[in-house]
């Protein structure tokens, strides 16, 4: 049976869904969600997310169980190879997957990624460096990339 947990993050409420077979989805909402008892199957995911937002975790170590087509699974697996603090373009990702012409299909699969942050679709940008397309909203993508940036913005005063 699929279980659910919520976590308040700096950019919204994260909803975790999964069971002992692994984490199936992580999505984000603007509206407040109830933060109740965390089911045992989701404790590690909530803990690792907390560490990520505290700046203490760069890589997740979780059993994942996202549902998608074979092609989507292939794209999501490729996304896992994008290092923390780095970005790639949709074109680079398509080339890595072996078909430069599949750029739209790769972008569509990226947009269907059910594992927000863990499968780092926020690290994929336009070929010209623009922050394009993000199901969670471009302001969240910008926040996540700044959070992962090795160069932190300093104040002038």
N, C-alpha and C. Protein backbone atom coordinates (compact mmCIF):
# COMPACT_ATOMS: atom_id res chain seq x y z
N UNK A 1 0.84 -1.19 0.00
CA UNK A 1 0.00 0.00 0.00
C UNK A 1 0.88 1.26 0.00
N UNK A 2 0.58 2.19 -0.88
CA UNK A 2 1.32 3.44 -1.01
C UNK A 2 1.07 4.31 0.23
N UNK A 3 2.14 4.83 0.80
CA UNK A 3 2.03 5.70 1.98
C UNK A 3 2.46 7.10 1.60
N UNK A 4 2.06 8.09 2.41
CA UNK A 4 2.32 9.49 2.11
C UNK A 4 2.90 10.20 3.33
N UNK A 5 3.84 11.11 3.08
CA UNK A 5 4.40 11.96 4.13
C UNK A 5 4.62 13.35 3.52
N UNK A 6 4.68 14.36 4.39
CA UNK A 6 4.91 15.74 3.94
C UNK A 6 6.06 16.35 4.72
N UNK A 7 6.74 17.29 4.05
CA UNK A 7 7.84 18.03 4.67
C UNK A 7 7.77 19.47 4.20
N UNK A 8 7.85 20.41 5.15
CA UNK A 8 7.91 21.82 4.79
C UNK A 8 9.36 22.11 4.37
N UNK A 9 9.52 22.68 3.17
CA UNK A 9 10.85 23.03 2.67
C UNK A 9 10.89 24.54 2.42
N UNK A 10 12.07 25.09 2.15
CA UNK A 10 12.15 26.53 1.87
C UNK A 10 11.38 26.95 0.61
N UNK A 11 11.00 26.00 -0.24
CA UNK A 11 10.32 26.35 -1.50
C UNK A 11 8.98 25.64 -1.67
N UNK A 12 8.36 25.29 -0.56
CA UNK A 12 7.04 24.68 -0.61
C UNK A 12 6.97 23.42 0.23
N UNK A 13 5.83 22.77 0.16
CA UNK A 13 5.62 21.52 0.89
C UNK A 13 5.89 20.34 -0.04
N UNK A 14 6.80 19.48 0.37
CA UNK A 14 7.13 18.28 -0.40
C UNK A 14 6.20 17.15 0.04
N UNK A 15 5.66 16.44 -0.95
CA UNK A 15 4.84 15.27 -0.68
C UNK A 15 5.59 14.05 -1.17
N UNK A 16 5.80 13.09 -0.28
CA UNK A 16 6.49 11.84 -0.58
C UNK A 16 5.45 10.73 -0.67
N UNK A 17 5.56 9.89 -1.70
CA UNK A 17 4.71 8.71 -1.80
C UNK A 17 5.58 7.52 -2.10
N UNK A 18 5.35 6.44 -1.37
CA UNK A 18 6.12 5.24 -1.57
C UNK A 18 5.72 4.16 -0.61
N UNK A 19 6.45 3.06 -0.68
CA UNK A 19 6.21 1.92 0.20
C UNK A 19 7.53 1.19 0.37
N UNK A 20 7.49 -0.01 0.89
CA UNK A 20 8.73 -0.76 1.12
C UNK A 20 9.45 -1.13 -0.19
N UNK A 21 8.77 -0.99 -1.34
CA UNK A 21 9.40 -1.23 -2.64
C UNK A 21 10.21 -0.03 -3.11
N UNK A 22 10.06 1.10 -2.44
CA UNK A 22 10.83 2.29 -2.79
C UNK A 22 9.97 3.53 -2.89
N UNK A 23 10.65 4.63 -3.11
CA UNK A 23 10.00 5.93 -3.24
C UNK A 23 9.45 6.07 -4.66
N UNK A 24 8.15 6.29 -4.78
CA UNK A 24 7.51 6.37 -6.09
C UNK A 24 7.45 7.81 -6.61
N UNK A 25 7.22 8.77 -5.70
CA UNK A 25 7.14 10.16 -6.16
C UNK A 25 7.44 11.14 -5.04
N UNK A 26 7.96 12.29 -5.46
CA UNK A 26 8.13 13.45 -4.59
C UNK A 26 7.66 14.62 -5.41
N UNK A 27 6.65 15.33 -4.91
CA UNK A 27 6.16 16.52 -5.61
C UNK A 27 6.15 17.68 -4.62
N UNK A 28 5.93 18.87 -5.14
CA UNK A 28 5.95 20.05 -4.29
C UNK A 28 4.68 20.87 -4.50
N UNK A 29 4.20 21.46 -3.42
CA UNK A 29 2.98 22.26 -3.42
C UNK A 29 3.24 23.58 -2.73
N UNK A 30 2.47 24.59 -3.11
CA UNK A 30 2.54 25.88 -2.41
C UNK A 30 1.69 25.86 -1.16
N UNK A 31 0.53 25.17 -1.25
CA UNK A 31 -0.38 25.19 -0.11
C UNK A 31 0.14 24.30 1.02
N UNK A 32 -0.18 24.73 2.23
CA UNK A 32 0.25 24.00 3.42
C UNK A 32 -0.31 22.59 3.44
N UNK A 33 0.51 21.66 3.86
CA UNK A 33 0.11 20.25 3.95
C UNK A 33 0.28 19.79 5.40
N UNK A 34 -0.49 18.79 5.81
CA UNK A 34 -0.38 18.31 7.19
C UNK A 34 0.92 17.55 7.41
N UNK A 35 1.64 17.93 8.45
CA UNK A 35 2.88 17.24 8.75
C UNK A 35 2.59 16.35 9.96
N UNK A 36 2.28 15.10 9.68
CA UNK A 36 1.89 14.15 10.71
C UNK A 36 3.04 13.18 10.97
N UNK A 37 2.69 12.05 11.45
CA UNK A 37 3.65 10.98 11.67
C UNK A 37 4.15 10.53 10.29
N UNK A 38 5.44 10.32 10.19
CA UNK A 38 6.05 9.89 8.93
C UNK A 38 6.07 8.36 8.91
N UNK A 39 5.46 7.75 7.90
CA UNK A 39 5.49 6.29 7.80
C UNK A 39 6.93 5.77 7.71
N UNK A 40 7.18 4.63 8.30
CA UNK A 40 8.52 4.05 8.33
C UNK A 40 9.15 3.96 6.94
N UNK A 41 8.35 3.60 5.94
CA UNK A 41 8.87 3.44 4.57
C UNK A 41 9.39 4.76 3.99
N UNK A 42 8.98 5.90 4.57
CA UNK A 42 9.36 7.21 4.02
C UNK A 42 10.30 8.00 4.93
N UNK A 43 10.63 7.44 6.09
CA UNK A 43 11.46 8.17 7.05
C UNK A 43 12.80 8.58 6.46
N UNK A 44 13.47 7.66 5.77
CA UNK A 44 14.79 7.96 5.22
C UNK A 44 14.71 9.06 4.16
N UNK A 45 13.68 9.02 3.33
CA UNK A 45 13.52 10.05 2.29
C UNK A 45 13.35 11.43 2.93
N UNK A 46 12.49 11.53 3.94
CA UNK A 46 12.26 12.81 4.61
C UNK A 46 13.54 13.28 5.28
N UNK A 47 14.26 12.37 5.91
CA UNK A 47 15.52 12.70 6.58
C UNK A 47 16.56 13.23 5.58
N UNK A 48 16.71 12.51 4.45
CA UNK A 48 17.70 12.92 3.45
C UNK A 48 17.32 14.26 2.81
N UNK A 49 16.03 14.49 2.59
CA UNK A 49 15.59 15.78 2.05
C UNK A 49 15.91 16.91 3.01
N UNK A 50 15.69 16.67 4.30
CA UNK A 50 16.01 17.69 5.31
C UNK A 50 17.49 18.02 5.24
N UNK A 51 18.33 17.01 5.14
CA UNK A 51 19.77 17.24 5.02
C UNK A 51 20.11 18.02 3.75
N UNK A 52 19.45 17.69 2.65
CA UNK A 52 19.68 18.40 1.38
C UNK A 52 19.41 19.90 1.56
N UNK A 53 18.25 20.23 2.13
CA UNK A 53 17.90 21.64 2.28
C UNK A 53 18.76 22.35 3.33
N UNK A 54 19.35 21.60 4.24
CA UNK A 54 20.28 22.18 5.22
C UNK A 54 21.68 22.35 4.62
N UNK A 55 21.88 21.87 3.38
CA UNK A 55 23.19 21.97 2.74
C UNK A 55 24.16 20.88 3.18
N UNK A 56 23.66 19.83 3.83
CA UNK A 56 24.51 18.75 4.34
C UNK A 56 24.53 17.53 3.44
N UNK A 57 23.70 17.49 2.40
CA UNK A 57 23.62 16.32 1.52
C UNK A 57 23.65 16.76 0.07
N UNK A 58 24.51 16.10 -0.72
CA UNK A 58 24.62 16.39 -2.15
C UNK A 58 24.11 15.25 -3.00
N UNK A 59 24.00 14.07 -2.42
CA UNK A 59 23.58 12.89 -3.18
C UNK A 59 22.61 12.09 -2.33
N UNK A 60 21.55 11.61 -2.96
CA UNK A 60 20.56 10.82 -2.24
C UNK A 60 20.88 9.34 -2.37
N UNK A 61 20.62 8.61 -1.30
CA UNK A 61 20.84 7.18 -1.27
C UNK A 61 19.52 6.53 -0.83
N UNK A 62 18.62 6.39 -1.78
CA UNK A 62 17.28 5.88 -1.50
C UNK A 62 16.89 4.81 -2.51
N UNK A 63 16.05 3.91 -2.09
CA UNK A 63 15.48 2.92 -3.01
C UNK A 63 14.37 3.64 -3.78
N UNK A 64 14.50 3.70 -5.10
CA UNK A 64 13.55 4.43 -5.93
C UNK A 64 12.66 3.46 -6.70
N UNK A 65 11.41 3.85 -6.88
CA UNK A 65 10.45 3.02 -7.60
C UNK A 65 9.49 3.90 -8.42
N UNK A 66 10.06 4.77 -9.31
CA UNK A 66 9.19 5.62 -10.12
C UNK A 66 8.50 4.81 -11.22
N UNK A 67 7.29 5.21 -11.55
CA UNK A 67 6.54 4.51 -12.60
C UNK A 67 6.58 5.35 -13.88
N UNK A 68 6.98 4.72 -14.98
CA UNK A 68 7.04 5.41 -16.25
C UNK A 68 7.37 4.43 -17.37
N UNK A 69 7.34 4.95 -18.60
CA UNK A 69 7.67 4.12 -19.76
C UNK A 69 9.16 3.77 -19.74
N UNK A 70 9.55 2.84 -20.58
CA UNK A 70 10.96 2.47 -20.68
C UNK A 70 11.81 3.69 -21.06
N UNK A 71 11.31 4.49 -22.00
CA UNK A 71 12.06 5.68 -22.42
C UNK A 71 12.18 6.68 -21.27
N UNK A 72 11.08 6.92 -20.56
CA UNK A 72 11.14 7.83 -19.41
C UNK A 72 12.15 7.33 -18.38
N UNK A 73 12.12 6.04 -18.10
CA UNK A 73 13.05 5.45 -17.13
C UNK A 73 14.51 5.69 -17.57
N UNK A 74 14.75 5.55 -18.88
CA UNK A 74 16.09 5.75 -19.44
C UNK A 74 16.55 7.21 -19.23
N UNK A 75 15.63 8.16 -19.49
CA UNK A 75 15.95 9.58 -19.30
C UNK A 75 16.20 9.87 -17.82
N UNK A 76 15.33 9.36 -16.95
CA UNK A 76 15.48 9.62 -15.51
C UNK A 76 16.79 9.04 -14.98
N UNK A 77 17.18 7.89 -15.51
CA UNK A 77 18.46 7.28 -15.10
C UNK A 77 19.62 8.20 -15.52
N UNK A 78 19.53 8.77 -16.72
CA UNK A 78 20.57 9.69 -17.20
C UNK A 78 20.63 10.95 -16.33
N UNK A 79 19.47 11.41 -15.87
CA UNK A 79 19.44 12.60 -15.00
C UNK A 79 20.21 12.36 -13.70
N UNK A 80 20.16 11.12 -13.22
CA UNK A 80 20.87 10.78 -11.98
C UNK A 80 22.37 10.96 -12.12
N UNK A 81 22.87 10.98 -13.36
CA UNK A 81 24.30 11.15 -13.61
C UNK A 81 24.76 12.60 -13.64
N UNK A 82 23.84 13.55 -13.49
CA UNK A 82 24.24 14.96 -13.49
C UNK A 82 24.69 15.32 -12.07
N UNK A 83 25.96 15.68 -11.90
CA UNK A 83 26.47 15.94 -10.55
C UNK A 83 25.84 17.17 -9.89
N UNK A 84 25.81 17.14 -8.57
CA UNK A 84 25.38 18.25 -7.74
C UNK A 84 26.15 19.50 -8.16
N UNK A 85 25.45 20.62 -8.32
CA UNK A 85 26.11 21.88 -8.65
C UNK A 85 26.45 22.05 -10.12
N UNK A 86 26.08 21.08 -10.96
CA UNK A 86 26.37 21.16 -12.40
C UNK A 86 25.06 21.19 -13.18
N UNK A 87 25.12 21.65 -14.42
CA UNK A 87 23.96 21.64 -15.31
C UNK A 87 24.35 21.06 -16.66
N UNK A 88 23.36 20.55 -17.37
CA UNK A 88 23.53 20.13 -18.76
C UNK A 88 22.36 20.68 -19.55
N UNK A 89 22.53 20.78 -20.85
CA UNK A 89 21.42 21.25 -21.69
C UNK A 89 20.59 20.05 -22.15
N UNK A 90 19.38 20.34 -22.59
CA UNK A 90 18.54 19.29 -23.15
C UNK A 90 19.24 18.63 -24.34
N UNK A 91 19.96 19.44 -25.13
CA UNK A 91 20.68 18.92 -26.28
C UNK A 91 21.79 17.95 -25.83
N UNK A 92 22.57 18.35 -24.82
CA UNK A 92 23.63 17.48 -24.30
C UNK A 92 23.05 16.16 -23.77
N UNK A 93 21.92 16.26 -23.09
CA UNK A 93 21.27 15.07 -22.54
C UNK A 93 20.80 14.15 -23.67
N UNK A 94 20.23 14.74 -24.73
CA UNK A 94 19.79 13.95 -25.88
C UNK A 94 20.98 13.23 -26.54
N UNK A 95 22.10 13.94 -26.68
CA UNK A 95 23.31 13.34 -27.26
C UNK A 95 23.79 12.19 -26.38
N UNK A 96 23.79 12.40 -25.08
CA UNK A 96 24.24 11.36 -24.14
C UNK A 96 23.38 10.10 -24.27
N UNK A 97 22.09 10.31 -24.55
CA UNK A 97 21.16 9.19 -24.70
C UNK A 97 21.22 8.57 -26.10
N UNK A 98 22.05 9.16 -26.99
CA UNK A 98 22.31 8.55 -28.28
C UNK A 98 21.44 9.01 -29.43
N UNK A 99 20.63 10.06 -29.24
CA UNK A 99 19.78 10.53 -30.34
C UNK A 99 19.52 12.03 -30.20
N UNK A 100 20.31 12.83 -30.92
CA UNK A 100 20.19 14.28 -30.86
C UNK A 100 18.79 14.75 -31.29
N UNK A 101 18.13 13.96 -32.14
CA UNK A 101 16.80 14.34 -32.63
C UNK A 101 15.71 14.09 -31.59
N UNK A 102 16.04 13.40 -30.51
CA UNK A 102 15.05 13.07 -29.47
C UNK A 102 14.90 14.18 -28.42
N UNK A 103 15.40 15.36 -28.73
CA UNK A 103 15.43 16.43 -27.73
C UNK A 103 14.04 16.74 -27.15
N UNK A 104 13.01 16.76 -27.99
CA UNK A 104 11.65 17.04 -27.48
C UNK A 104 11.14 15.90 -26.60
N UNK A 105 11.42 14.67 -27.00
CA UNK A 105 11.01 13.51 -26.20
C UNK A 105 11.75 13.49 -24.87
N UNK A 106 13.02 13.85 -24.89
CA UNK A 106 13.82 13.94 -23.66
C UNK A 106 13.25 15.03 -22.75
N UNK A 107 12.93 16.17 -23.33
CA UNK A 107 12.34 17.27 -22.54
C UNK A 107 10.99 16.85 -21.94
N UNK A 108 10.19 16.12 -22.72
CA UNK A 108 8.89 15.66 -22.23
C UNK A 108 9.06 14.66 -21.08
N UNK A 109 10.00 13.74 -21.22
CA UNK A 109 10.27 12.77 -20.15
C UNK A 109 10.80 13.46 -18.91
N UNK A 110 11.63 14.48 -19.12
CA UNK A 110 12.17 15.28 -18.02
C UNK A 110 11.01 15.92 -17.24
N UNK A 111 10.03 16.43 -17.98
CA UNK A 111 8.88 17.08 -17.36
C UNK A 111 7.96 16.13 -16.62
N UNK A 112 8.05 14.84 -16.92
CA UNK A 112 7.22 13.82 -16.26
C UNK A 112 7.94 13.16 -15.08
N UNK A 113 9.15 13.62 -14.78
CA UNK A 113 9.93 13.05 -13.68
C UNK A 113 9.13 13.12 -12.38
N UNK A 114 8.84 11.97 -11.76
CA UNK A 114 8.05 11.97 -10.54
C UNK A 114 8.86 12.16 -9.25
N UNK A 115 10.18 12.23 -9.37
CA UNK A 115 11.01 12.29 -8.17
C UNK A 115 11.77 13.61 -8.09
N UNK A 116 11.03 14.65 -7.75
CA UNK A 116 11.54 16.01 -7.61
C UNK A 116 12.83 16.02 -6.79
N UNK A 117 13.83 16.70 -7.27
CA UNK A 117 15.15 16.91 -6.67
C UNK A 117 16.01 15.64 -6.69
N UNK A 118 15.48 14.50 -6.26
CA UNK A 118 16.28 13.27 -6.20
C UNK A 118 16.77 12.90 -7.59
N UNK A 119 15.86 12.88 -8.56
CA UNK A 119 16.22 12.74 -9.97
C UNK A 119 16.27 14.18 -10.47
N UNK A 120 17.48 14.75 -10.58
CA UNK A 120 17.65 16.20 -10.67
C UNK A 120 17.32 16.84 -12.02
N UNK A 121 16.05 16.85 -12.37
CA UNK A 121 15.63 17.48 -13.63
C UNK A 121 15.84 18.99 -13.59
N UNK A 122 15.97 19.57 -12.39
CA UNK A 122 16.23 21.01 -12.28
C UNK A 122 17.61 21.38 -12.82
N UNK A 123 18.47 20.40 -13.02
CA UNK A 123 19.83 20.66 -13.51
C UNK A 123 19.91 20.67 -15.04
N UNK A 124 18.76 20.56 -15.71
CA UNK A 124 18.74 20.60 -17.17
C UNK A 124 18.25 21.98 -17.60
N UNK A 125 19.04 22.62 -18.47
CA UNK A 125 18.76 23.98 -18.91
C UNK A 125 18.75 24.05 -20.44
N UNK A 126 18.38 25.20 -20.96
CA UNK A 126 18.40 25.41 -22.40
C UNK A 126 19.83 25.49 -22.92
N UNK A 127 20.01 25.25 -24.21
CA UNK A 127 21.35 25.27 -24.82
C UNK A 127 22.03 26.63 -24.67
N UNK A 128 21.22 27.69 -24.58
CA UNK A 128 21.79 29.04 -24.43
C UNK A 128 21.99 29.42 -22.97
N UNK A 129 21.76 28.47 -22.05
CA UNK A 129 21.95 28.73 -20.63
C UNK A 129 20.70 29.21 -19.91
N UNK A 130 19.61 29.40 -20.65
CA UNK A 130 18.37 29.87 -20.03
C UNK A 130 17.74 28.77 -19.16
N UNK A 131 17.08 29.21 -18.10
CA UNK A 131 16.31 28.29 -17.27
C UNK A 131 14.96 28.11 -17.96
N UNK A 132 14.79 27.00 -18.61
CA UNK A 132 13.56 26.74 -19.34
C UNK A 132 12.84 25.55 -18.74
N UNK A 133 11.53 25.60 -18.78
CA UNK A 133 10.69 24.50 -18.37
C UNK A 133 11.02 23.84 -17.06
N UNK A 134 10.14 23.95 -16.10
CA UNK A 134 10.29 23.23 -14.84
C UNK A 134 8.90 23.08 -14.25
N UNK A 135 8.48 21.84 -14.08
CA UNK A 135 7.12 21.56 -13.61
C UNK A 135 6.84 22.21 -12.26
N UNK A 136 7.86 22.35 -11.43
CA UNK A 136 7.69 22.96 -10.11
C UNK A 136 7.70 24.48 -10.14
N UNK A 137 7.91 25.08 -11.31
CA UNK A 137 7.98 26.54 -11.42
C UNK A 137 9.42 26.99 -11.55
N UNK A 138 9.64 27.95 -12.44
CA UNK A 138 11.02 28.41 -12.69
C UNK A 138 11.66 29.04 -11.46
N UNK A 139 10.87 29.66 -10.57
CA UNK A 139 11.46 30.26 -9.37
C UNK A 139 12.05 29.16 -8.47
N UNK A 140 11.43 27.97 -8.46
CA UNK A 140 11.99 26.86 -7.68
C UNK A 140 13.28 26.34 -8.33
N UNK A 141 13.27 26.25 -9.66
CA UNK A 141 14.46 25.79 -10.38
C UNK A 141 15.63 26.75 -10.08
N UNK A 142 15.36 28.03 -10.15
CA UNK A 142 16.38 29.03 -9.87
C UNK A 142 16.90 28.88 -8.44
N UNK A 143 15.99 28.69 -7.48
CA UNK A 143 16.37 28.53 -6.09
C UNK A 143 17.26 27.29 -5.91
N UNK A 144 16.84 26.17 -6.51
CA UNK A 144 17.59 24.92 -6.37
C UNK A 144 18.99 25.04 -6.97
N UNK A 145 19.10 25.65 -8.13
CA UNK A 145 20.42 25.81 -8.76
C UNK A 145 21.31 26.74 -7.93
N UNK A 146 20.73 27.78 -7.35
CA UNK A 146 21.50 28.68 -6.48
C UNK A 146 21.93 27.94 -5.21
N UNK A 147 21.02 27.12 -4.66
CA UNK A 147 21.31 26.33 -3.46
C UNK A 147 22.48 25.38 -3.70
N UNK A 148 22.57 24.82 -4.91
CA UNK A 148 23.62 23.86 -5.24
C UNK A 148 24.89 24.52 -5.78
N UNK A 149 24.84 25.81 -6.03
CA UNK A 149 25.98 26.50 -6.63
C UNK A 149 27.16 26.55 -5.67
N UNK A 150 28.38 26.26 -6.18
CA UNK A 150 29.56 26.36 -5.32
C UNK A 150 29.88 27.82 -4.98
N UNK A 151 29.37 28.76 -5.77
CA UNK A 151 29.60 30.18 -5.52
C UNK A 151 28.33 30.75 -4.89
N UNK A 152 28.41 31.10 -3.63
CA UNK A 152 27.25 31.66 -2.92
C UNK A 152 27.27 33.17 -3.07
N UNK A 153 26.09 33.75 -3.27
CA UNK A 153 25.96 35.19 -3.39
C UNK A 153 26.35 35.85 -2.06
N UNK A 154 27.24 36.81 -2.13
CA UNK A 154 27.66 37.53 -0.94
C UNK A 154 26.95 38.88 -0.88
N UNK A 155 26.70 39.37 0.31
CA UNK A 155 26.09 40.70 0.43
C UNK A 155 27.21 41.74 0.32
N UNK A 156 26.85 42.93 -0.08
CA UNK A 156 27.83 44.00 -0.24
C UNK A 156 28.05 44.76 1.04
N UNK A 157 27.15 44.60 2.02
CA UNK A 157 27.27 45.38 3.25
C UNK A 157 27.34 44.48 4.46
